[in-house]
Amino acid sequence: MTTATLNDPLDGLSVFLVGMMGAGKTTVGRALAALLDYRFFDTDDLIERVAGKSIPEIFASDGESVFRDLETQVLEQVCAYTRSVIATGGGCVMRTRNWSYLQQGLVLWLDVPADVLRLRLRGDRGRPLLQTPDPDRALGDLMEKRRSRYALADLHLSVRPEDSAKTVARRIVAQIPSTRKQS
């Protein structure tokens, strides 16, 4: 084992966090980046900066397809970085092209039970895809559509409701050696 491997179990390989909205990708991503001494990116934040407006505003004025195009552009840019933890939008996995970018690093699925997601997202006005008469059903439908894509991740981590972001980050680091891609 090299010194680099002792200090960085990923040898510079970036980590892409995927999973449903409300799964904690941003919160866990920040904790994981701190633990690994990596930089952190949230693709939703980057999209808002590029567009000059919030995600709900993008959806309202331009539609979901424009948002997804911006998401793909942002992924194309951030996949060039090493030593990064990248929290992605919940739907980024649905575009095949995005997988070519995600596979530049270790793809990690944060899998949170549906009932926990519902509690976390209840009343959240910043989630355009849940602004329907039945947000619980919309969430369930999205989970059903996306599950098989999330399952393509290199690492599947089931997150328990009581897990803190630091606990999840430590569990991720502990599992990296068994899933690490060889460069």
Protein backbone atom coordinates (compact mmCIF):
# COMPACT_ATOMS: atom_id res chain seq x y z
CA MET A 1 0.00 0.00 0.00
CA THR A 2 1.44 3.37 -1.00
CA THR A 3 1.59 6.46 1.17
CA ALA A 4 -0.96 8.06 -1.16
CA THR A 5 -3.33 5.17 -0.55
CA LEU A 6 -2.94 5.53 3.22
CA ASN A 7 -3.74 9.24 3.05
CA ASP A 8 -6.27 9.03 0.22
CA PRO A 9 -8.05 5.69 -0.20
CA LEU A 10 -9.22 6.87 -3.64
CA ASP A 11 -5.81 8.00 -4.96
CA GLY A 12 -7.43 11.20 -6.19
CA LEU A 13 -10.47 9.61 -7.81
CA SER A 14 -13.56 11.79 -7.40
CA VAL A 15 -16.79 10.60 -5.81
CA PHE A 16 -20.20 11.26 -7.38
CA LEU A 17 -23.14 10.99 -4.98
CA VAL A 18 -26.41 9.93 -6.58
CA GLY A 19 -29.82 9.31 -5.07
CA MET A 20 -33.23 10.80 -4.62
CA MET A 21 -33.88 14.39 -3.66
CA GLY A 22 -33.77 14.62 0.10
CA ALA A 23 -31.30 11.72 0.41
CA GLY A 24 -28.69 14.01 1.94
CA LYS A 25 -26.25 14.11 -0.96
CA THR A 26 -25.19 17.69 -0.22
CA THR A 27 -24.90 17.26 3.54
CA VAL A 28 -23.12 13.91 3.32
CA GLY A 29 -21.01 15.20 0.43
CA ARG A 30 -19.67 18.07 2.52
CA ALA A 31 -18.87 15.69 5.40
CA LEU A 32 -17.18 13.22 3.04
CA ALA A 33 -15.15 15.94 1.35
CA ALA A 34 -13.93 17.16 4.74
CA LEU A 35 -13.01 13.63 5.80
CA LEU A 36 -11.09 12.96 2.57
CA ASP A 37 -9.66 16.49 2.36
CA TYR A 38 -11.32 16.83 -1.07
CA ARG A 39 -13.09 19.83 -2.60
CA PHE A 40 -16.90 19.72 -2.70
CA PHE A 41 -19.28 20.59 -5.55
CA ASP A 42 -23.07 20.57 -5.60
CA THR A 43 -24.27 20.41 -9.20
CA ASP A 44 -27.55 22.12 -8.32
CA ASP A 45 -25.65 25.11 -6.91
CA LEU A 46 -23.46 25.23 -10.02
CA ILE A 47 -26.52 25.08 -12.30
CA GLU A 48 -28.07 28.03 -10.46
CA ARG A 49 -24.85 30.02 -10.89
CA VAL A 50 -24.62 29.22 -14.61
CA ALA A 51 -28.29 30.05 -15.21
CA GLY A 52 -28.37 33.08 -12.93
CA LYS A 53 -31.61 31.86 -11.36
CA SER A 54 -32.92 29.26 -8.95
CA ILE A 55 -33.87 25.74 -9.98
CA PRO A 56 -37.60 26.42 -9.46
CA GLU A 57 -37.21 29.51 -11.69
CA ILE A 58 -35.44 27.45 -14.37
CA PHE A 59 -38.23 24.87 -14.33
CA ALA A 60 -40.93 27.57 -14.42
CA SER A 61 -39.44 29.71 -17.18
CA ASP A 62 -37.46 27.23 -19.29
CA GLY A 63 -38.74 23.76 -18.39
CA GLU A 64 -37.18 20.57 -17.14
CA SER A 65 -35.38 19.81 -20.42
CA VAL A 66 -33.36 23.06 -20.19
CA PHE A 67 -32.52 22.24 -16.59
CA ARG A 68 -31.35 18.75 -17.62
CA ASP A 69 -29.22 20.23 -20.41
CA LEU A 70 -27.56 22.55 -17.88
CA GLU A 71 -27.07 19.60 -15.54
CA THR A 72 -25.27 17.67 -18.28
CA GLN A 73 -23.05 20.68 -19.06
CA VAL A 74 -22.13 21.05 -15.39
CA LEU A 75 -21.34 17.33 -15.03
CA GLU A 76 -19.12 17.51 -18.10
CA GLN A 77 -17.13 20.27 -16.42
CA VAL A 78 -16.82 18.86 -12.90
CA CYS A 79 -15.86 15.35 -14.02
CA ALA A 80 -12.54 16.83 -15.16
CA TYR A 81 -11.56 17.53 -11.55
CA THR A 82 -9.84 15.04 -9.29
CA ARG A 83 -10.01 14.85 -5.50
CA SER A 84 -13.60 16.06 -5.47
CA VAL A 85 -16.90 14.97 -3.97
CA ILE A 86 -19.79 15.90 -6.23
CA ALA A 87 -23.43 15.89 -5.07
CA THR A 88 -25.62 15.44 -8.15
CA GLY A 89 -29.26 16.15 -8.81
CA GLY A 90 -31.61 13.23 -8.24
CA GLY A 91 -32.50 12.87 -11.91
CA CYS A 92 -29.04 13.15 -13.46
CA VAL A 93 -28.83 9.35 -13.69
CA MET A 94 -31.66 9.23 -16.22
CA ARG A 95 -29.52 10.50 -19.12
CA THR A 96 -27.14 7.93 -20.55
CA ARG A 97 -24.69 10.69 -21.49
CA ASN A 98 -24.44 11.71 -17.85
CA TRP A 99 -23.26 8.21 -16.94
CA SER A 100 -20.19 8.70 -19.13
CA TYR A 101 -19.29 11.64 -16.87
CA LEU A 102 -20.22 9.94 -13.61
CA GLN A 103 -18.05 6.95 -14.46
CA GLN A 104 -14.98 9.19 -14.39
CA GLY A 105 -15.14 8.67 -10.62
CA LEU A 106 -16.63 6.40 -8.00
CA VAL A 107 -20.44 6.52 -8.16
CA LEU A 108 -22.09 6.14 -4.78
CA TRP A 109 -25.85 5.72 -4.29
CA LEU A 110 -27.26 7.11 -1.05
CA ASP A 111 -30.41 5.04 -0.64
CA VAL A 112 -32.88 6.47 1.87
CA PRO A 113 -36.25 4.83 2.68
CA ALA A 114 -39.27 6.43 0.99
CA ASP A 115 -40.98 7.29 4.28
CA VAL A 116 -37.89 9.20 5.44
CA LEU A 117 -37.71 11.09 2.14
CA ARG A 118 -41.38 12.02 2.44
CA LEU A 119 -40.81 13.47 5.91
CA ARG A 120 -37.70 15.37 4.83
CA LEU A 121 -39.39 16.82 1.74
CA ARG A 122 -42.83 17.61 3.18
CA GLY A 123 -43.60 21.25 2.45
CA ASP A 124 -40.35 21.85 0.52
CA ARG A 125 -41.30 24.43 -2.13
CA GLY A 126 -37.88 24.25 -3.80
CA ARG A 127 -38.52 20.88 -5.47
CA PRO A 128 -40.30 21.57 -8.78
CA LEU A 129 -41.09 17.91 -9.49
CA LEU A 130 -43.02 17.66 -6.22
CA GLN A 131 -45.22 20.72 -6.80
CA THR A 132 -48.24 18.61 -7.63
CA PRO A 133 -51.57 17.89 -5.90
CA ASP A 134 -50.07 14.59 -4.66
CA PRO A 135 -46.35 15.09 -3.92
CA ASP A 136 -46.07 11.72 -2.14
CA ARG A 137 -47.24 9.92 -5.26
CA ALA A 138 -44.92 12.02 -7.44
CA LEU A 139 -42.00 11.09 -5.18
CA GLY A 140 -42.92 7.40 -5.36
CA ASP A 141 -43.18 7.53 -9.14
CA LEU A 142 -39.76 9.21 -9.41
CA MET A 143 -38.23 6.61 -7.10
CA GLU A 144 -39.67 3.81 -9.20
CA LYS A 145 -38.34 5.30 -12.46
CA ARG A 146 -34.87 6.00 -11.10
CA ARG A 147 -34.16 2.97 -8.90
CA SER A 148 -32.69 0.79 -11.67
CA ARG A 149 -30.36 3.63 -12.69
CA TYR A 150 -29.21 4.26 -9.13
CA ALA A 151 -28.50 0.54 -8.87
CA LEU A 152 -25.75 0.97 -11.49
CA ALA A 153 -23.64 2.81 -8.91
CA ASP A 154 -20.30 1.36 -7.80
CA LEU A 155 -21.37 1.49 -4.18
CA HIS A 156 -24.89 1.23 -2.72
CA LEU A 157 -25.20 2.61 0.79
CA SER A 158 -28.47 2.22 2.67
CA VAL A 159 -28.88 5.22 4.94
CA ARG A 160 -30.78 4.82 8.19
CA PRO A 161 -32.91 7.70 9.53
CA GLU A 162 -30.74 8.03 12.64
CA ASP A 163 -27.45 8.26 10.67
CA SER A 164 -25.66 11.60 10.87
CA ALA A 165 -23.82 12.93 7.84
CA LYS A 166 -20.49 12.21 9.56
CA THR A 167 -21.56 8.64 10.30
CA VAL A 168 -22.53 8.09 6.66
CA ALA A 169 -19.26 9.65 5.47
CA ARG A 170 -17.25 7.34 7.75
CA ARG A 171 -19.21 4.31 6.46
CA ILE A 172 -18.42 5.38 2.89
CA VAL A 173 -14.69 5.70 3.60
CA ALA A 174 -14.71 2.26 5.26
CA GLN A 175 -16.27 0.71 2.15
CA ILE A 176 -14.08 2.44 -0.45
CA PRO A 177 -11.27 -0.16 -0.46
CA SER A 178 -13.67 -2.90 -1.59
CA THR A 179 -15.19 -0.83 -4.41
CA ARG A 180 -12.34 1.35 -5.63
CA LYS A 181 -11.81 1.50 -9.37
CA GLN A 182 -8.30 0.80 -10.53
CA SER A 183 -6.72 3.65 -12.49
